[in-house]
Protein backbone atom coordinates (compact mmCIF):
# COMPACT_ATOMS: atom_id res chain seq x y z
CA UNK A 1 -87.77 149.59 -19.61
CA UNK A 2 -84.20 148.37 -19.91
CA UNK A 3 -83.73 148.67 -16.14
CA UNK A 4 -86.95 146.70 -15.55
CA UNK A 5 -85.77 143.97 -17.92
CA UNK A 6 -82.42 143.70 -16.15
CA UNK A 7 -84.13 143.44 -12.76
CA UNK A 8 -86.43 140.71 -14.12
CA UNK A 9 -83.56 138.71 -15.60
CA UNK A 10 -81.56 139.03 -12.37
CA UNK A 11 -84.48 137.75 -10.32
CA UNK A 12 -84.94 134.83 -12.71
CA UNK A 13 -81.27 133.87 -12.38
CA UNK A 14 -81.43 134.14 -8.59
CA UNK A 15 -84.54 131.98 -8.49
CA UNK A 16 -82.83 129.31 -10.58
CA UNK A 17 -79.83 129.24 -8.23
CA UNK A 18 -82.10 128.83 -5.24
CA UNK A 19 -83.76 125.64 -6.48
CA UNK A 20 -82.89 122.50 -4.47
CA UNK A 21 -82.79 119.85 -7.17
CA UNK A 22 -81.42 116.67 -5.60
CA UNK A 23 -80.17 115.03 -2.40
CA UNK A 24 -78.05 117.62 -0.53
CA UNK A 25 -78.87 120.35 -3.03
CA UNK A 26 -77.75 121.41 -6.52
CA UNK A 27 -74.07 121.16 -5.58
CA UNK A 28 -74.58 117.90 -3.66
CA UNK A 29 -72.69 119.22 -0.63
CA UNK A 30 -75.41 120.49 1.72
CA UNK A 31 -74.24 124.13 1.61
CA UNK A 32 -76.83 126.79 0.77
CA UNK A 33 -76.20 130.40 -0.22
CA UNK A 34 -76.39 132.90 2.62
CA UNK A 35 -79.83 134.46 2.99
CA UNK A 36 -81.06 136.62 5.86
CA UNK A 37 -84.46 134.93 5.62
CA UNK A 38 -82.98 131.57 6.60
CA UNK A 39 -83.54 130.69 10.27
CA UNK A 40 -81.07 129.57 12.91
CA UNK A 41 -83.76 129.26 15.57
CA UNK A 42 -87.10 127.45 15.45
CA UNK A 43 -89.54 125.30 17.39
CA UNK A 44 -93.12 124.11 17.24
CA UNK A 45 -94.30 127.68 17.88
CA UNK A 46 -91.43 129.67 16.38
CA UNK A 47 -90.54 130.47 12.75
CA UNK A 48 -92.84 127.78 11.32
CA UNK A 49 -94.37 129.15 8.10
CA UNK A 50 -96.42 126.00 7.54
CA UNK A 51 -96.40 122.28 8.16
CA UNK A 52 -98.08 119.62 6.06
CA UNK A 53 -98.81 115.99 6.97
CA UNK A 54 -97.30 113.44 4.57
CA UNK A 55 -99.20 110.13 4.80
CA UNK A 56 -97.12 106.99 5.11
CA UNK A 57 -93.37 106.64 5.46
CA UNK A 58 -90.40 108.09 3.62
CA UNK A 59 -86.87 109.19 4.40
CA UNK A 60 -86.11 110.83 1.05
CA UNK A 61 -85.45 114.57 1.20
CA UNK A 62 -87.83 117.12 -0.32
CA UNK A 63 -86.64 118.91 -3.46
CA UNK A 64 -87.76 122.29 -4.81
CA UNK A 65 -88.21 123.94 -8.19
CA UNK A 66 -89.88 127.34 -8.21
CA UNK A 67 -92.96 127.23 -6.00
CA UNK A 68 -93.18 123.44 -6.15
CA UNK A 69 -91.95 121.07 -3.47
CA UNK A 70 -91.72 117.38 -4.39
CA UNK A 71 -91.57 114.53 -1.91
CA UNK A 72 -92.23 110.77 -1.95
CA UNK A 73 -93.71 108.36 0.60
CA UNK A 74 -95.17 104.86 0.87
CA UNK A 75 -98.19 103.82 2.90
CA UNK A 76 -99.79 100.40 3.37
CA UNK A 77 -103.33 99.07 3.70
CA UNK A 78 -102.51 97.45 7.04
CA UNK A 79 -100.17 98.33 9.87
CA UNK A 80 -96.80 96.62 10.07
CA UNK A 81 -93.54 97.19 11.92
CA UNK A 82 -92.76 100.91 11.84
CA UNK A 83 -89.28 102.34 11.20
CA UNK A 84 -87.46 103.45 14.31
CA UNK A 85 -84.24 105.20 15.18
CA UNK A 86 -81.12 103.79 16.75
CA UNK A 87 -78.29 101.48 15.74
CA UNK A 88 -78.88 97.93 14.52
CA UNK A 89 -76.22 95.28 14.90
CA UNK A 90 -77.30 92.77 12.31
CA UNK A 91 -79.91 91.88 9.75
CA UNK A 92 -82.95 93.72 8.51
CA UNK A 93 -86.48 92.35 8.43
CA UNK A 94 -86.33 88.75 7.26
CA UNK A 95 -89.39 88.92 4.98
CA UNK A 96 -91.28 91.78 3.32
CA UNK A 97 -94.66 92.73 4.86
CA UNK A 98 -97.63 90.79 3.49
CA UNK A 99 -99.81 93.81 2.84
CA UNK A 100 -100.55 96.04 -0.16
CA UNK A 101 -98.41 99.20 -0.30
CA UNK A 102 -98.90 102.42 -2.22
CA UNK A 103 -95.83 104.22 -3.60
CA UNK A 104 -96.82 107.91 -3.67
CA UNK A 105 -95.49 111.17 -5.11
CA UNK A 106 -96.62 114.53 -3.68
CA UNK A 107 -96.30 118.08 -4.97
CA UNK A 108 -96.84 120.95 -2.51
CA UNK A 109 -96.74 124.72 -2.81
CA UNK A 110 -93.56 126.14 -1.31
CA UNK A 111 -95.46 129.27 -0.31
CA UNK A 112 -98.48 127.70 1.41
CA UNK A 113 -97.80 123.98 1.94
CA UNK A 114 -101.00 123.13 0.04
CA UNK A 115 -100.92 119.81 -1.81
CA UNK A 116 -101.10 120.74 -5.51
CA UNK A 117 -101.24 117.16 -6.73
CA UNK A 118 -100.43 113.60 -5.75
CA UNK A 119 -99.98 110.45 -7.77
CA UNK A 120 -99.72 106.76 -7.02
CA UNK A 121 -96.66 105.54 -8.90
CA UNK A 122 -97.08 101.88 -7.94
CA UNK A 123 -99.31 99.60 -5.93
CA UNK A 124 -98.63 96.09 -4.68
CA UNK A 125 -96.93 94.01 -2.03
CA UNK A 126 -93.20 94.68 -1.48
CA UNK A 127 -90.95 92.05 -3.03
CA UNK A 128 -87.98 92.67 -0.75
CA UNK A 129 -87.57 93.41 2.98
CA UNK A 130 -86.16 96.61 4.44
CA UNK A 131 -83.72 97.77 7.09
CA UNK A 132 -85.59 98.29 10.41
CA UNK A 133 -84.74 102.01 10.28
CA UNK A 134 -85.56 102.51 6.60
CA UNK A 135 -88.70 102.84 4.45
CA UNK A 136 -89.76 101.92 0.92
CA UNK A 137 -89.28 105.59 -0.02
CA UNK A 138 -85.67 106.08 1.05
CA UNK A 139 -84.53 107.80 -2.16
CA UNK A 140 -84.67 111.54 -2.84
CA UNK A 141 -86.28 112.63 -6.15
CA UNK A 142 -84.45 114.87 -8.62
CA UNK A 143 -85.33 117.42 -11.30
CA UNK A 144 -83.70 119.27 -14.19
CA UNK A 145 -86.35 121.99 -14.25
CA UNK A 146 -88.12 120.26 -17.13
CA UNK A 147 -89.41 117.10 -15.48
CA UNK A 148 -89.56 115.36 -12.10
CA UNK A 149 -87.80 112.00 -11.65
CA UNK A 150 -88.76 109.82 -8.70
CA UNK A 151 -86.87 106.62 -7.88
CA UNK A 152 -88.27 103.87 -5.70
CA UNK A 153 -85.15 101.74 -5.78
CA UNK A 154 -86.66 98.24 -5.73
CA UNK A 155 -89.69 99.12 -7.90
CA UNK A 156 -88.96 101.64 -10.63
CA UNK A 157 -88.02 105.11 -11.84
CA UNK A 158 -90.98 107.39 -12.60
CA UNK A 159 -91.14 110.63 -14.57
CA UNK A 160 -93.76 113.41 -14.31
CA UNK A 161 -94.30 116.87 -15.67
CA UNK A 162 -94.68 119.61 -13.08
CA UNK A 163 -98.48 119.37 -13.21
CA UNK A 164 -98.38 115.72 -12.13
CA UNK A 165 -98.95 114.06 -15.50
CA UNK A 166 -97.06 110.73 -15.71
CA UNK A 167 -94.70 110.81 -18.69
CA UNK A 168 -92.95 107.45 -18.46
CA UNK A 169 -91.89 104.71 -16.08
CA UNK A 170 -88.82 102.51 -16.03
CA UNK A 171 -89.45 99.27 -14.09
CA UNK A 172 -86.67 97.88 -11.90
CA UNK A 173 -86.29 94.20 -11.07
CA UNK A 174 -85.93 93.91 -7.31
CA UNK A 175 -82.70 92.25 -6.16
CA UNK A 176 -81.48 90.89 -2.86
CA UNK A 177 -79.43 93.32 -0.82
CA UNK A 178 -77.10 92.72 2.10
CA UNK A 179 -79.06 91.44 5.09
CA UNK A 180 -82.32 92.50 3.42
CA UNK A 181 -81.62 96.20 3.88
CA UNK A 182 -83.14 97.27 0.52
CA UNK A 183 -82.10 100.06 -1.85
CA UNK A 184 -81.50 103.72 -0.93
CA UNK A 185 -79.18 105.46 -3.45
CA UNK A 186 -80.90 108.50 -4.97
CA UNK A 187 -80.90 109.35 -8.70
CA UNK A 188 -79.17 112.34 -10.30
CA UNK A 189 -79.91 114.02 -13.64
CA UNK A 190 -77.50 115.68 -16.04
CA UNK A 191 -77.62 116.67 -19.72
CA UNK A 192 -80.72 114.64 -20.57
CA UNK A 193 -79.73 111.53 -18.60
CA UNK A 194 -81.05 110.23 -15.28
CA UNK A 195 -78.22 108.33 -13.58
CA UNK A 196 -78.97 105.58 -11.07
CA UNK A 197 -76.81 103.06 -9.21
CA UNK A 198 -78.28 99.76 -7.98
CA UNK A 199 -75.61 97.87 -6.04
CA UNK A 200 -77.03 94.62 -4.65
CA UNK A 201 -76.04 91.04 -3.88
CA UNK A 202 -76.96 89.60 -7.30
CA UNK A 203 -76.36 91.92 -10.25
CA UNK A 204 -75.06 95.43 -9.56
CA UNK A 205 -75.04 98.16 -12.20
CA UNK A 206 -75.02 101.84 -13.03
CA UNK A 207 -77.33 103.00 -15.81
CA UNK A 208 -78.32 106.16 -17.66
CA UNK A 209 -81.99 106.57 -18.53
CA UNK A 210 -83.05 109.01 -21.24
CA UNK A 211 -84.77 111.86 -19.40
CA UNK A 212 -87.32 112.45 -22.17
CA UNK A 213 -88.29 108.86 -23.02
CA UNK A 214 -87.39 106.58 -20.09
CA UNK A 215 -85.35 104.30 -22.35
CA UNK A 216 -81.94 103.02 -21.29
CA UNK A 217 -79.08 104.88 -22.98
CA UNK A 218 -76.37 102.77 -21.40
CA UNK A 219 -75.89 100.29 -18.60
CA UNK A 220 -72.59 99.15 -17.06
CA UNK A 221 -72.27 96.18 -14.73
CA UNK A 222 -70.40 96.82 -11.50
CA UNK A 223 -68.27 94.31 -9.62
CA UNK A 224 -69.89 95.37 -6.38
CA UNK A 225 -72.13 94.11 -3.65
CA UNK A 226 -74.72 96.22 -1.84
CA UNK A 227 -73.91 99.89 -1.35
CA UNK A 228 -76.21 102.86 -0.74
CA UNK A 229 -74.25 105.98 -1.78
CA UNK A 230 -75.84 108.46 -4.20
CA UNK A 231 -73.65 109.10 -7.29
CA UNK A 232 -72.16 112.53 -7.97
CA UNK A 233 -72.00 114.44 -11.26
CA UNK A 234 -68.63 116.22 -10.99
CA UNK A 235 -68.14 119.04 -13.47
CA UNK A 236 -64.71 120.67 -13.62
CA UNK A 237 -62.49 122.29 -16.21
CA UNK A 238 -61.28 119.00 -17.59
CA UNK A 239 -64.54 117.09 -18.08
CA UNK A 240 -67.78 115.89 -16.54
CA UNK A 241 -67.59 112.72 -14.44
CA UNK A 242 -70.03 110.46 -12.64
CA UNK A 243 -68.39 109.48 -9.34
CA UNK A 244 -69.53 106.42 -7.39
CA UNK A 245 -68.43 104.96 -4.08
CA UNK A 246 -68.12 101.18 -3.76
CA UNK A 247 -66.89 98.53 -1.35
CA UNK A 248 -64.60 96.96 -3.93
CA UNK A 249 -63.59 100.13 -5.74
CA UNK A 250 -64.41 103.81 -5.96
CA UNK A 251 -64.99 104.68 -9.60
CA UNK A 252 -65.56 107.53 -12.01
CA UNK A 253 -67.44 107.13 -15.28
CA UNK A 254 -67.77 109.36 -18.29
CA UNK A 255 -71.22 110.52 -19.33
CA UNK A 256 -71.20 107.64 -21.85
CA UNK A 257 -70.51 105.01 -19.15
CA UNK A 258 -66.79 104.64 -19.91
CA UNK A 259 -64.54 104.05 -16.90
CA UNK A 260 -62.27 107.05 -16.27
CA UNK A 261 -60.53 106.13 -13.02
CA UNK A 262 -60.85 103.68 -10.14
CA UNK A 263 -59.12 102.58 -6.98
CA UNK A 264 -59.50 100.11 -4.14
CA UNK A 265 -60.33 102.42 -1.27
CA UNK A 266 -60.46 99.67 1.35
CA UNK A 267 -63.98 100.89 2.01
CA UNK A 268 -66.29 99.92 4.85
CA UNK A 269 -68.50 96.85 4.69
CA UNK A 270 -71.44 99.29 4.65
CA UNK A 271 -70.76 102.08 2.14
CA UNK A 272 -73.43 104.75 2.55
CA UNK A 273 -72.12 108.39 2.57
CA UNK A 274 -72.35 110.10 -0.82
CA UNK A 275 -69.38 111.63 -2.66
CA UNK A 276 -69.31 115.43 -2.92
CA UNK A 277 -67.02 118.28 -3.92
CA UNK A 278 -65.97 121.56 -2.36
CA UNK A 279 -63.34 124.15 -3.34
CA UNK A 280 -61.98 121.99 -6.14
CA UNK A 281 -61.60 118.73 -4.21
CA UNK A 282 -63.67 115.54 -4.33
CA UNK A 283 -64.40 113.72 -1.06
CA UNK A 284 -65.22 110.01 -0.77
CA UNK A 285 -65.70 108.15 2.51
CA UNK A 286 -67.41 105.29 4.33
CA UNK A 287 -67.37 104.10 7.93
CA UNK A 288 -69.60 101.47 9.48
CA UNK A 289 -68.89 102.06 13.16
CA UNK A 290 -67.89 98.44 13.92
CA UNK A 291 -65.57 98.18 10.91
CA UNK A 292 -61.83 98.83 11.09
CA UNK A 293 -62.07 100.20 7.53
CA UNK A 294 -63.41 103.76 7.81
CA UNK A 295 -61.43 105.73 5.19
CA UNK A 296 -61.63 109.30 3.90
CA UNK A 297 -60.15 110.44 0.57
CA UNK A 298 -59.72 113.92 -0.88
CA UNK A 299 -59.04 113.86 -4.64
CA UNK A 300 -58.05 116.49 -7.19
CA UNK A 301 -59.57 116.50 -10.70
CA UNK A 302 -57.90 114.98 -13.73
CA UNK A 303 -57.30 111.40 -12.56
CA UNK A 304 -56.91 108.52 -15.03
CA UNK A 305 -56.74 104.74 -14.64
CA UNK A 306 -55.93 103.03 -11.35
CA UNK A 307 -55.11 105.72 -8.78
CA UNK A 308 -54.87 103.49 -5.71
CA UNK A 309 -52.46 104.20 -2.90
CA UNK A 310 -49.49 101.85 -2.55
CA UNK A 311 -47.04 101.00 0.24
CA UNK A 312 -49.24 102.51 2.94
CA UNK A 313 -48.93 105.96 1.39
CA UNK A 314 -51.50 108.59 2.36
CA UNK A 315 -51.40 110.56 -0.90
CA UNK A 316 -50.31 110.44 -4.55
CA UNK A 317 -50.72 112.51 -7.71
CA UNK A 318 -54.52 112.13 -7.59
CA UNK A 319 -55.27 111.69 -3.88
CA UNK A 320 -54.39 114.89 -2.02
CA UNK A 321 -54.84 113.40 1.44
CA UNK A 322 -56.44 110.42 3.11
CA UNK A 323 -57.34 109.14 6.55
CA UNK A 324 -57.95 105.50 7.39
CA UNK A 325 -60.25 105.59 10.43
CA UNK A 326 -62.31 108.76 10.20
CA UNK A 327 -65.29 107.84 7.99
CA UNK A 328 -68.95 108.18 9.10
CA UNK A 329 -71.61 105.46 8.93
CA UNK A 330 -74.86 106.93 7.55
CA UNK A 331 -74.24 110.67 7.35
CA UNK A 332 -72.39 112.39 4.52
CA UNK A 333 -69.72 114.88 5.68
CA UNK A 334 -69.80 118.61 4.95
CA UNK A 335 -67.12 121.16 4.07
CA UNK A 336 -67.81 124.73 5.18
CA UNK A 337 -65.47 127.61 5.88
CA UNK A 338 -62.51 125.49 4.82
CA UNK A 339 -63.30 122.83 7.43
CA UNK A 340 -64.27 119.20 6.84
CA UNK A 341 -66.85 118.08 9.41
CA UNK A 342 -67.54 114.38 10.06
CA UNK A 343 -70.77 113.70 11.94
CA UNK A 344 -70.80 110.29 13.61
CA UNK A 345 -74.09 108.44 14.16
CA UNK A 346 -73.30 107.85 17.82
CA UNK A 347 -73.39 111.54 18.70
CA UNK A 348 -69.86 112.81 18.04
CA UNK A 349 -68.19 115.14 15.55
CA UNK A 350 -64.66 115.40 14.17
CA UNK A 351 -63.19 118.35 12.28
CA UNK A 352 -60.27 118.49 9.81
CA UNK A 353 -58.75 121.09 7.53
CA UNK A 354 -60.51 120.45 4.21
CA UNK A 355 -57.45 121.13 2.04
CA UNK A 356 -54.79 119.29 4.03
CA UNK A 357 -56.60 116.75 6.20
CA UNK A 358 -54.93 118.15 9.32
CA UNK A 359 -56.91 117.36 12.49
CA UNK A 360 -58.62 120.37 14.08
CA UNK A 361 -60.50 118.52 16.83
CA UNK A 362 -61.49 114.90 17.38
CA UNK A 363 -64.69 113.21 18.57
CA UNK A 364 -66.34 116.05 20.40
CA UNK A 365 -69.60 114.78 21.87
CA UNK A 366 -73.07 116.21 21.50
CA UNK A 367 -75.38 116.05 24.56
CA UNK A 368 -76.12 112.55 25.85
CA UNK A 369 -78.63 110.62 23.76
CA UNK A 370 -78.05 112.38 20.46
CA UNK A 371 -77.94 109.96 17.52
CA UNK A 372 -77.72 110.98 13.85
CA UNK A 373 -78.76 109.67 10.44
CA UNK A 374 -79.52 112.90 8.53
CA UNK A 375 -76.57 114.66 6.91
CA UNK A 376 -75.56 118.16 8.08
CA UNK A 377 -76.21 121.38 6.17
CA UNK A 378 -74.89 124.96 6.37
CA UNK A 379 -75.65 128.61 5.65
CA UNK A 380 -75.11 132.08 7.15
CA UNK A 381 -71.90 131.00 8.92
CA UNK A 382 -73.64 128.18 10.82
CA UNK A 383 -73.54 124.38 10.51
CA UNK A 384 -76.67 122.43 11.44
CA UNK A 385 -76.90 118.86 12.78
CA UNK A 386 -80.34 117.17 13.04
CA UNK A 387 -80.57 114.20 15.39
CA UNK A 388 -83.11 111.37 15.25
CA UNK A 389 -85.20 112.90 18.04
CA UNK A 390 -85.83 116.08 16.07
CA UNK A 391 -83.21 118.23 17.80
CA UNK A 392 -81.12 120.46 15.54
CA UNK A 393 -77.79 121.51 17.04
CA UNK A 394 -76.60 124.86 15.66
CA UNK A 395 -72.84 125.46 15.58
CA UNK A 396 -70.96 128.53 14.34
CA UNK A 397 -68.40 127.56 11.73
CA UNK A 398 -64.89 127.62 13.16
CA UNK A 399 -62.07 125.65 14.70
CA UNK A 400 -63.80 125.41 18.07
CA UNK A 401 -66.60 122.97 18.95
CA UNK A 402 -69.40 125.14 20.25
CA UNK A 403 -73.14 124.46 20.29
CA UNK A 404 -74.89 127.81 20.00
CA UNK A 405 -78.46 126.56 20.42
CA UNK A 406 -80.71 123.53 20.08
CA UNK A 407 -83.97 123.66 18.11
CA UNK A 408 -86.46 120.94 19.07
CA UNK A 409 -89.34 119.44 17.08
CA UNK A 410 -89.77 116.30 19.22
CA UNK A 411 -90.36 113.85 16.36
CA UNK A 412 -88.37 111.08 14.72
CA UNK A 413 -86.15 112.61 12.01
CA UNK A 414 -84.11 110.56 9.56
CA UNK A 415 -84.36 112.60 6.33
CA UNK A 416 -81.82 115.27 5.37
CA UNK A 417 -83.48 118.73 5.05
CA UNK A 418 -83.61 120.97 1.96
CA UNK A 419 -82.97 124.72 1.69
CA UNK A 420 -84.57 126.94 -0.93
CA UNK A 421 -85.57 130.58 -1.40
CA UNK A 422 -85.04 131.57 2.21
CA UNK A 423 -86.85 128.53 3.57
CA UNK A 424 -85.70 125.39 5.39
CA UNK A 425 -87.74 122.28 4.58
CA UNK A 426 -87.42 119.71 7.34
CA UNK A 427 -89.13 116.32 7.18
CA UNK A 428 -90.16 114.51 10.34
CA UNK A 429 -91.84 111.13 10.63
CA UNK A 430 -95.28 112.71 10.11
CA UNK A 431 -94.86 116.25 8.78
CA UNK A 432 -93.03 118.39 6.29
CA UNK A 433 -92.08 121.69 7.98
CA UNK A 434 -91.37 124.95 6.17
CA UNK A 435 -89.22 127.09 8.47
CA UNK A 436 -88.24 130.70 7.81
CA UNK A 437 -87.51 133.93 9.66
CA UNK A 438 -90.74 135.80 10.42
């Protein structure tokens, strides 16, 4: 009986570790635990466990808790301009579409792909426009294992129990964003607080919403204009921090909203990649491809006050290393096997030593036509790069640029995949795929 109990408890702990609870996973870095069930090869007729159509549009990632997969999307009563891939050199749509939209939340079975429940969080006409590539469901939901939290950035934050019962909603006043691009930063949850950042052109802020009640615990104004980076909860030996990227300053807040450290990172005019940690270091970057400001920073824990670099220095007591023209545009970088990979939207990749910033190789090009928005992920000694055409380039981790294989799904892909319990969940423009070794 004791042996049976130990086996049960071990399986429960393993299951908890395998949940994918937020954008880029529970550790926010896109790296999943090795698992022989995870695939490195797939196609329309290979290693597909199931696929499920998701009505409407959405570029948020799926998340997983237990057997439940959560995903959001928005559909409209009438057709309007559809999102499309590619690079855009200018403004978004000038006006929002004049048609009723439906902001939807879906729960599917991880095992079968069956829709267990769906709920309309909001209905109405959009109040703000969107980037031509984006959707009104650009944010990834999050969960703490108790409740589901779904953010539609220009509409509201919505909370459900796992059976689909609405528990509370927190309305958001829509604000103007740069060039009408809309919101996109995903929420994170920690210790009973849902953290959200809404950087816009009018009144930017970071706020903590009580996870049980939906009431605001604290709200701090930010001297920022529009950014789109998801915040990071950074837990280390010293304390727990909430790290945010920003055009004016990169900042860290305490769990009570107090400012812990900050610095002018000379960030890109479009700040999109999300901060993440790996092997004890924090990484912050941004890099609109037409901007001369495309910095990368690697920070150690324990910073206080203004930690900015002076006199053209590349490091100081808090910043271990930095690079000034190596940041990506939309994708968030990944650290795997001690290497820091930067995936560039225009179909190139750069690799550095993650601890020192030393260049390993620079701007190696993927096959002609490859363009990227989704962030990379890794497991089983492989790094995966999903392009907008649905091609996933598989590369063995290492100091050599080598494409091992290409897995094609032949659909528009903007969302970053999720990995849970031996399964890869990959969202295309029309389907959610569950991919696993058969």
